[in-house]
Amino acid sequence: MKTTDYFIESVMARRPYLQEEWIEYVIKNPIYKEIQSNGRFRQWAFIEKSAKDLRVITEPDGKTVHNAFFDRGFKIITHN
């Protein structure tokens, strides 16, 4: 998985529970995706093991991970 220095040094330091497989899953299987004004992509997918929606932000290439976190405010899709 390709990442920014920010992701390694800051995000993973604060969120060591995030699993690489979850992040890769979101990138490959987003249930919703949008482009930020800076060209980065926001992508969401539901992670069964956590029963939460994970937001992954990638660089404009769509592959390099810049940020990831469980998004409690994501309400576009409801889950059973």
PDB file of N, CA and C in Angstrom:
ATOM      1  N   MET A   1       0.850  -1.172   0.000  1.00  0.00           N
ATOM      2  CA  MET A   1       0.000   0.000   0.000  1.00  0.00           C
ATOM      3  C   MET A   1       0.894   1.232   0.000  1.00  0.00           C
ATOM      4  N   LYS A   2       0.629   2.127  -0.900  1.00  0.00           N
ATOM      5  CA  LYS A   2       1.387   3.365  -1.013  1.00  0.00           C
ATOM      6  C   LYS A   2       0.750   4.421  -0.108  1.00  0.00           C
ATOM      7  N   THR A   3       1.574   5.153   0.648  1.00  0.00           N
ATOM      8  CA  THR A   3       1.060   6.148   1.594  1.00  0.00           C
ATOM      9  C   THR A   3       1.894   7.423   1.563  1.00  0.00           C
ATOM     10  N   THR A   4       1.310   8.483   2.096  1.00  0.00           N
ATOM     11  CA  THR A   4       2.065   9.727   2.283  1.00  0.00           C
ATOM     12  C   THR A   4       2.826   9.642   3.610  1.00  0.00           C
ATOM     13  N   ASP A   5       3.812  10.503   3.773  1.00  0.00           N
ATOM     14  CA  ASP A   5       4.527  10.572   5.052  1.00  0.00           C
ATOM     15  C   ASP A   5       3.564  10.958   6.168  1.00  0.00           C
ATOM     16  N   TYR A   6       2.638  11.853   5.873  1.00  0.00           N
ATOM     17  CA  TYR A   6       1.643  12.269   6.873  1.00  0.00           C
ATOM     18  C   TYR A   6       0.874  11.057   7.406  1.00  0.00           C
ATOM     19  N   PHE A   7       0.476  10.171   6.507  1.00  0.00           N
ATOM     20  CA  PHE A   7      -0.283   9.003   6.936  1.00  0.00           C
ATOM     21  C   PHE A   7       0.532   8.147   7.908  1.00  0.00           C
ATOM     22  N   ILE A   8       1.766   7.882   7.578  1.00  0.00           N
ATOM     23  CA  ILE A   8       2.619   7.045   8.435  1.00  0.00           C
ATOM     24  C   ILE A   8       2.922   7.736   9.755  1.00  0.00           C
ATOM     25  N   GLU A   9       3.336   8.980   9.691  1.00  0.00           N
ATOM     26  CA  GLU A   9       3.820   9.682  10.882  1.00  0.00           C
ATOM     27  C   GLU A   9       2.707  10.199  11.792  1.00  0.00           C
ATOM     28  N   SER A  10       1.576  10.559  11.245  1.00  0.00           N
ATOM     29  CA  SER A  10       0.526  11.168  12.045  1.00  0.00           C
ATOM     30  C   SER A  10      -0.709  10.269  12.206  1.00  0.00           C
ATOM     31  N   VAL A  11      -1.260   9.831  11.096  1.00  0.00           N
ATOM     32  CA  VAL A  11      -2.511   9.065  11.151  1.00  0.00           C
ATOM     33  C   VAL A  11      -2.313   7.738  11.875  1.00  0.00           C
ATOM     34  N   MET A  12      -1.332   6.968  11.478  1.00  0.00           N
ATOM     35  CA  MET A  12      -1.133   5.664  12.109  1.00  0.00           C
ATOM     36  C   MET A  12      -0.641   5.792  13.539  1.00  0.00           C
ATOM     37  N   ALA A  13       0.010   6.885  13.863  1.00  0.00           N
ATOM     38  CA  ALA A  13       0.424   7.111  15.247  1.00  0.00           C
ATOM     39  C   ALA A  13      -0.799   7.315  16.142  1.00  0.00           C
ATOM     40  N   ARG A  14      -1.825   7.969  15.600  1.00  0.00           N
ATOM     41  CA  ARG A  14      -3.050   8.238  16.366  1.00  0.00           C
ATOM     42  C   ARG A  14      -4.076   7.118  16.263  1.00  0.00           C
ATOM     43  N   ARG A  15      -4.005   6.338  15.178  1.00  0.00           N
ATOM     44  CA  ARG A  15      -5.014   5.293  14.936  1.00  0.00           C
ATOM     45  C   ARG A  15      -4.355   3.959  14.591  1.00  0.00           C
ATOM     46  N   PRO A  16      -3.585   3.407  15.524  1.00  0.00           N
ATOM     47  CA  PRO A  16      -2.871   2.161  15.224  1.00  0.00           C
ATOM     48  C   PRO A  16      -3.783   0.952  14.992  1.00  0.00           C
ATOM     49  N   TYR A  17      -5.064   1.085  15.346  1.00  0.00           N
ATOM     50  CA  TYR A  17      -6.023  -0.007  15.167  1.00  0.00           C
ATOM     51  C   TYR A  17      -6.443  -0.175  13.710  1.00  0.00           C
ATOM     52  N   LEU A  18      -6.174   0.820  12.861  1.00  0.00           N
ATOM     53  CA  LEU A  18      -6.552   0.708  11.450  1.00  0.00           C
ATOM     54  C   LEU A  18      -5.745  -0.410  10.797  1.00  0.00           C
ATOM     55  N   GLN A  19      -6.438  -1.218  10.041  1.00  0.00           N
ATOM     56  CA  GLN A  19      -5.777  -2.341   9.376  1.00  0.00           C
ATOM     57  C   GLN A  19      -5.621  -2.055   7.891  1.00  0.00           C
ATOM     58  N   GLU A  20      -4.464  -2.397   7.370  1.00  0.00           N
ATOM     59  CA  GLU A  20      -4.170  -2.161   5.955  1.00  0.00           C
ATOM     60  C   GLU A  20      -5.224  -2.817   5.063  1.00  0.00           C
ATOM     61  N   GLU A  21      -5.670  -4.002   5.424  1.00  0.00           N
ATOM     62  CA  GLU A  21      -6.668  -4.699   4.604  1.00  0.00           C
ATOM     63  C   GLU A  21      -7.980  -3.919   4.540  1.00  0.00           C
ATOM     64  N   TRP A  22      -8.348  -3.230   5.614  1.00  0.00           N
ATOM     65  CA  TRP A  22      -9.558  -2.418   5.611  1.00  0.00           C
ATOM     66  C   TRP A  22      -9.409  -1.250   4.635  1.00  0.00           C
ATOM     67  N   ILE A  23      -8.255  -0.604   4.689  1.00  0.00           N
ATOM     68  CA  ILE A  23      -7.999   0.554   3.829  1.00  0.00           C
ATOM     69  C   ILE A  23      -8.013   0.130   2.362  1.00  0.00           C
ATOM     70  N   GLU A  24      -7.357  -0.973   2.073  1.00  0.00           N
ATOM     71  CA  GLU A  24      -7.341  -1.478   0.697  1.00  0.00           C
ATOM     72  C   GLU A  24      -8.747  -1.857   0.236  1.00  0.00           C
ATOM     73  N   TYR A  25      -9.546  -2.404   1.141  1.00  0.00           N
ATOM     74  CA  TYR A  25     -10.924  -2.761   0.814  1.00  0.00           C
ATOM     75  C   TYR A  25     -11.714  -1.519   0.397  1.00  0.00           C
ATOM     76  N   VAL A  26     -11.576  -0.432   1.157  1.00  0.00           N
ATOM     77  CA  VAL A  26     -12.297   0.808   0.830  1.00  0.00           C
ATOM     78  C   VAL A  26     -11.896   1.319  -0.543  1.00  0.00           C
ATOM     79  N   ILE A  27     -10.610   1.316  -0.830  1.00  0.00           N
ATOM     80  CA  ILE A  27     -10.124   1.815  -2.125  1.00  0.00           C
ATOM     81  C   ILE A  27     -10.673   0.972  -3.274  1.00  0.00           C
ATOM     82  N   LYS A  28     -10.769  -0.331  -3.082  1.00  0.00           N
ATOM     83  CA  LYS A  28     -11.236  -1.220  -4.147  1.00  0.00           C
ATOM     84  C   LYS A  28     -12.760  -1.327  -4.220  1.00  0.00           C
ATOM     85  N   ASN A  29     -13.458  -1.050  -3.102  1.00  0.00           N
ATOM     86  CA  ASN A  29     -14.903  -1.274  -3.031  1.00  0.00           C
ATOM     87  C   ASN A  29     -15.665  -0.118  -2.379  1.00  0.00           C
ATOM     88  N   PRO A  30     -15.438   1.105  -2.806  1.00  0.00           N
ATOM     89  CA  PRO A  30     -16.139   2.208  -2.132  1.00  0.00           C
ATOM     90  C   PRO A  30     -17.650   2.147  -2.381  1.00  0.00           C
ATOM     91  N   ILE A  31     -18.412   2.473  -1.326  1.00  0.00           N
ATOM     92  CA  ILE A  31     -19.860   2.568  -1.515  1.00  0.00           C
ATOM     93  C   ILE A  31     -20.243   3.995  -1.893  1.00  0.00           C
ATOM     94  N   TYR A  32     -19.317   4.917  -1.658  1.00  0.00           N
ATOM     95  CA  TYR A  32     -19.517   6.308  -2.061  1.00  0.00           C
ATOM     96  C   TYR A  32     -18.146   6.938  -2.237  1.00  0.00           C
ATOM     97  N   LYS A  33     -18.052   7.834  -3.212  1.00  0.00           N
ATOM     98  CA  LYS A  33     -16.772   8.463  -3.521  1.00  0.00           C
ATOM     99  C   LYS A  33     -17.027   9.898  -3.955  1.00  0.00           C
ATOM    100  N   GLU A  34     -16.153  10.812  -3.516  1.00  0.00           N
ATOM    101  CA  GLU A  34     -16.256  12.196  -3.969  1.00  0.00           C
ATOM    102  C   GLU A  34     -14.863  12.801  -4.081  1.00  0.00           C
ATOM    103  N   ILE A  35     -14.763  13.859  -4.871  1.00  0.00           N
ATOM    104  CA  ILE A  35     -13.493  14.551  -5.070  1.00  0.00           C
ATOM    105  C   ILE A  35     -13.484  15.816  -4.225  1.00  0.00           C
ATOM    106  N   GLN A  36     -12.407  16.016  -3.482  1.00  0.00           N
ATOM    107  CA  GLN A  36     -12.233  17.241  -2.703  1.00  0.00           C
ATOM    108  C   GLN A  36     -11.745  18.355  -3.630  1.00  0.00           C
ATOM    109  N   SER A  37     -11.813  19.588  -3.170  1.00  0.00           N
ATOM    110  CA  SER A  37     -11.389  20.729  -3.982  1.00  0.00           C
ATOM    111  C   SER A  37      -9.889  20.688  -4.307  1.00  0.00           C
ATOM    112  N   ASN A  38      -9.096  19.986  -3.498  1.00  0.00           N
ATOM    113  CA  ASN A  38      -7.657  19.873  -3.748  1.00  0.00           C
ATOM    114  C   ASN A  38      -7.298  18.689  -4.643  1.00  0.00           C
ATOM    115  N   GLY A  39      -8.319  17.986  -5.150  1.00  0.00           N
ATOM    116  CA  GLY A  39      -8.092  16.869  -6.065  1.00  0.00           C
ATOM    117  C   GLY A  39      -8.001  15.514  -5.390  1.00  0.00           C
ATOM    118  N   ARG A  40      -7.924  15.487  -4.075  1.00  0.00           N
ATOM    119  CA  ARG A  40      -7.902  14.208  -3.356  1.00  0.00           C
ATOM    120  C   ARG A  40      -9.285  13.572  -3.404  1.00  0.00           C
ATOM    121  N   PHE A  41      -9.300  12.241  -3.260  1.00  0.00           N
ATOM    122  CA  PHE A  41     -10.547  11.485  -3.252  1.00  0.00           C
ATOM    123  C   PHE A  41     -10.926  11.084  -1.834  1.00  0.00           C
ATOM    124  N   ARG A  42     -12.197  11.240  -1.514  1.00  0.00           N
ATOM    125  CA  ARG A  42     -12.772  10.688  -0.277  1.00  0.00           C
ATOM    126  C   ARG A  42     -13.554   9.457  -0.705  1.00  0.00           C
ATOM    127  N   GLN A  43     -13.308   8.347  -0.013  1.00  0.00           N
ATOM    128  CA  GLN A  43     -13.991   7.101  -0.331  1.00  0.00           C
ATOM    129  C   GLN A  43     -14.444   6.445   0.969  1.00  0.00           C
ATOM    130  N   TRP A  44     -15.647   5.878   0.951  1.00  0.00           N
ATOM    131  CA  TRP A  44     -16.189   5.230   2.131  1.00  0.00           C
ATOM    132  C   TRP A  44     -16.569   3.794   1.816  1.00  0.00           C
ATOM    133  N   ALA A  45     -16.457   2.940   2.822  1.00  0.00           N
ATOM    134  CA  ALA A  45     -16.990   1.579   2.757  1.00  0.00           C
ATOM    135  C   ALA A  45     -17.263   1.121   4.186  1.00  0.00           C
ATOM    136  N   PHE A  46     -18.218   0.213   4.307  1.00  0.00           N
ATOM    137  CA  PHE A  46     -18.586  -0.332   5.603  1.00  0.00           C
ATOM    138  C   PHE A  46     -17.635  -1.473   5.937  1.00  0.00           C
ATOM    139  N   ILE A  47     -17.064  -1.434   7.131  1.00  0.00           N
ATOM    140  CA  ILE A  47     -16.145  -2.477   7.595  1.00  0.00           C
ATOM    141  C   ILE A  47     -16.913  -3.360   8.571  1.00  0.00           C
ATOM    142  N   GLU A  48     -17.183  -4.575   8.153  1.00  0.00           N
ATOM    143  CA  GLU A  48     -17.986  -5.511   8.961  1.00  0.00           C
ATOM    144  C   GLU A  48     -17.424  -5.720  10.363  1.00  0.00           C
ATOM    145  N   LYS A  49     -16.112  -5.964  10.461  1.00  0.00           N
ATOM    146  CA  LYS A  49     -15.500  -6.277  11.763  1.00  0.00           C
ATOM    147  C   LYS A  49     -15.689  -5.170  12.787  1.00  0.00           C
ATOM    148  N   SER A  50     -15.761  -3.953  12.337  1.00  0.00           N
ATOM    149  CA  SER A  50     -15.915  -2.820  13.257  1.00  0.00           C
ATOM    150  C   SER A  50     -17.354  -2.323  13.317  1.00  0.00           C
ATOM    151  N   ALA A  51     -18.159  -2.737  12.353  1.00  0.00           N
ATOM    152  CA  ALA A  51     -19.545  -2.270  12.203  1.00  0.00           C
ATOM    153  C   ALA A  51     -19.605  -0.751  12.065  1.00  0.00           C
ATOM    154  N   LYS A  52     -18.616  -0.204  11.328  1.00  0.00           N
ATOM    155  CA  LYS A  52     -18.528   1.242  11.112  1.00  0.00           C
ATOM    156  C   LYS A  52     -18.124   1.516   9.670  1.00  0.00           C
ATOM    157  N   ASP A  53     -18.389   2.765   9.247  1.00  0.00           N
ATOM    158  CA  ASP A  53     -17.946   3.219   7.926  1.00  0.00           C
ATOM    159  C   ASP A  53     -16.552   3.812   8.031  1.00  0.00           C
ATOM    160  N   LEU A  54     -15.664   3.352   7.174  1.00  0.00           N
ATOM    161  CA  LEU A  54     -14.303   3.863   7.138  1.00  0.00           C
ATOM    162  C   LEU A  54     -14.164   4.821   5.968  1.00  0.00           C
ATOM    163  N   ARG A  55     -13.673   6.024   6.243  1.00  0.00           N
ATOM    164  CA  ARG A  55     -13.378   6.985   5.181  1.00  0.00           C
ATOM    165  C   ARG A  55     -11.881   6.922   4.918  1.00  0.00           C
ATOM    166  N   VAL A  56     -11.515   6.790   3.663  1.00  0.00           N
ATOM    167  CA  VAL A  56     -10.117   6.798   3.245  1.00  0.00           C
ATOM    168  C   VAL A  56      -9.943   7.942   2.261  1.00  0.00           C
ATOM    169  N   ILE A  57      -8.935   8.753   2.499  1.00  0.00           N
ATOM    170  CA  ILE A  57      -8.634   9.872   1.605  1.00  0.00           C
ATOM    171  C   ILE A  57      -7.336   9.548   0.888  1.00  0.00           C
ATOM    172  N   THR A  58      -7.411   9.595  -0.433  1.00  0.00           N
ATOM    173  CA  THR A  58      -6.228   9.313  -1.242  1.00  0.00           C
ATOM    174  C   THR A  58      -5.803  10.556  -2.007  1.00  0.00           C
ATOM    175  N   GLU A  59      -4.579  10.545  -2.426  1.00  0.00           N
ATOM    176  CA  GLU A  59      -4.058  11.588  -3.307  1.00  0.00           C
ATOM    177  C   GLU A  59      -4.803  11.507  -4.646  1.00  0.00           C
ATOM    178  N   PRO A  60      -4.647  12.499  -5.514  1.00  0.00           N
ATOM    179  CA  PRO A  60      -5.368  12.489  -6.797  1.00  0.00           C
ATOM    180  C   PRO A  60      -5.138  11.241  -7.660  1.00  0.00           C
ATOM    181  N   ASP A  61      -4.063  10.490  -7.388  1.00  0.00           N
ATOM    182  CA  ASP A  61      -3.839   9.254  -8.151  1.00  0.00           C
ATOM    183  C   ASP A  61      -4.825   8.156  -7.763  1.00  0.00           C
ATOM    184  N   GLY A  62      -5.571   8.351  -6.664  1.00  0.00           N
ATOM    185  CA  GLY A  62      -6.555   7.380  -6.219  1.00  0.00           C
ATOM    186  C   GLY A  62      -5.990   6.178  -5.508  1.00  0.00           C
ATOM    187  N   LYS A  63      -4.669   6.147  -5.309  1.00  0.00           N
ATOM    188  CA  LYS A  63      -4.003   4.979  -4.711  1.00  0.00           C
ATOM    189  C   LYS A  63      -3.188   5.311  -3.468  1.00  0.00           C
ATOM    190  N   THR A  64      -2.588   6.490  -3.437  1.00  0.00           N
ATOM    191  CA  THR A  64      -1.713   6.859  -2.330  1.00  0.00           C
ATOM    192  C   THR A  64      -2.563   7.349  -1.163  1.00  0.00           C
ATOM    193  N   VAL A  65      -2.510   6.630  -0.039  1.00  0.00           N
ATOM    194  CA  VAL A  65      -3.358   6.928   1.113  1.00  0.00           C
ATOM    195  C   VAL A  65      -2.790   8.090   1.905  1.00  0.00           C
ATOM    196  N   HIS A  66      -3.633   9.079   2.154  1.00  0.00           N
ATOM    197  CA  HIS A  66      -3.248  10.266   2.916  1.00  0.00           C
ATOM    198  C   HIS A  66      -3.871  10.279   4.315  1.00  0.00           C
ATOM    199  N   ASN A  67      -5.099   9.759   4.442  1.00  0.00           N
ATOM    200  CA  ASN A  67      -5.784   9.775   5.734  1.00  0.00           C
ATOM    201  C   ASN A  67      -6.807   8.643   5.754  1.00  0.00           C
ATOM    202  N   ALA A  68      -7.168   8.199   6.949  1.00  0.00           N
ATOM    203  CA  ALA A  68      -8.210   7.186   7.111  1.00  0.00           C
ATOM    204  C   ALA A  68      -8.749   7.271   8.528  1.00  0.00           C
ATOM    205  N   PHE A  69     -10.070   7.161   8.627  1.00  0.00           N
ATOM    206  CA  PHE A  69     -10.697   7.194   9.951  1.00  0.00           C
ATOM    207  C   PHE A  69     -12.133   6.697   9.847  1.00  0.00           C
ATOM    208  N   PHE A  70     -12.647   6.206  10.978  1.00  0.00           N
ATOM    209  CA  PHE A  70     -14.049   5.819  11.030  1.00  0.00           C
ATOM    210  C   PHE A  70     -14.881   7.089  11.082  1.00  0.00           C
ATOM    211  N   ASP A  71     -15.825   7.193  10.159  1.00  0.00           N
ATOM    212  CA  ASP A  71     -16.612   8.404   9.972  1.00  0.00           C
ATOM    213  C   ASP A  71     -18.010   8.219  10.565  1.00  0.00           C
ATOM    214  N   ARG A  72     -18.189   8.657  11.790  1.00  0.00           N
ATOM    215  CA  ARG A  72     -19.489   8.515  12.468  1.00  0.00           C
ATOM    216  C   ARG A  72     -20.575   9.346  11.812  1.00  0.00           C
ATOM    217  N   GLY A  73     -20.212  10.375  11.076  1.00  0.00           N
ATOM    218  CA  GLY A  73     -21.183  11.249  10.448  1.00  0.00           C
ATOM    219  C   GLY A  73     -21.651  10.804   9.076  1.00  0.00           C
ATOM    220  N   PHE A  74     -21.089   9.732   8.559  1.00  0.00           N
ATOM    221  CA  PHE A  74     -21.456   9.263   7.211  1.00  0.00           C
ATOM    222  C   PHE A  74     -22.842   8.641   7.255  1.00  0.00           C
ATOM    223  N   LYS A  75     -23.790   9.256   6.537  1.00  0.00           N
ATOM    224  CA  LYS A  75     -25.185   8.811   6.600  1.00  0.00           C
ATOM    225  C   LYS A  75     -25.787   8.574   5.213  1.00  0.00           C
ATOM    226  N   ILE A  76     -24.981   8.485   4.191  1.00  0.00           N
ATOM    227  CA  ILE A  76     -25.520   8.366   2.837  1.00  0.00           C
ATOM    228  C   ILE A  76     -26.171   7.006   2.618  1.00  0.00           C
ATOM    229  N   ILE A  77     -25.565   5.971   3.130  1.00  0.00           N
ATOM    230  CA  ILE A  77     -26.090   4.616   2.972  1.00  0.00           C
ATOM    231  C   ILE A  77     -26.372   4.063   4.371  1.00  0.00           C
ATOM    232  N   THR A  78     -27.496   3.456   4.566  1.00  0.00           N
ATOM    233  CA  THR A  78     -27.772   2.835   5.862  1.00  0.00           C
ATOM    234  C   THR A  78     -27.462   1.346   5.780  1.00  0.00           C
ATOM    235  N   HIS A  79     -27.110   0.777   6.902  1.00  0.00           N
ATOM    236  CA  HIS A  79     -26.732  -0.621   6.963  1.00  0.00           C
ATOM    237  C   HIS A  79     -27.723  -1.400   7.809  1.00  0.00           C
ATOM    238  N   ASN A  80     -27.944  -2.642   7.481  1.00  0.00           N
ATOM    239  CA  ASN A  80     -28.827  -3.512   8.262  1.00  0.00           C
ATOM    240  C   ASN A  80     -28.094  -4.099   9.444  1.00  0.00           C
TER     241      ASN A  80
END
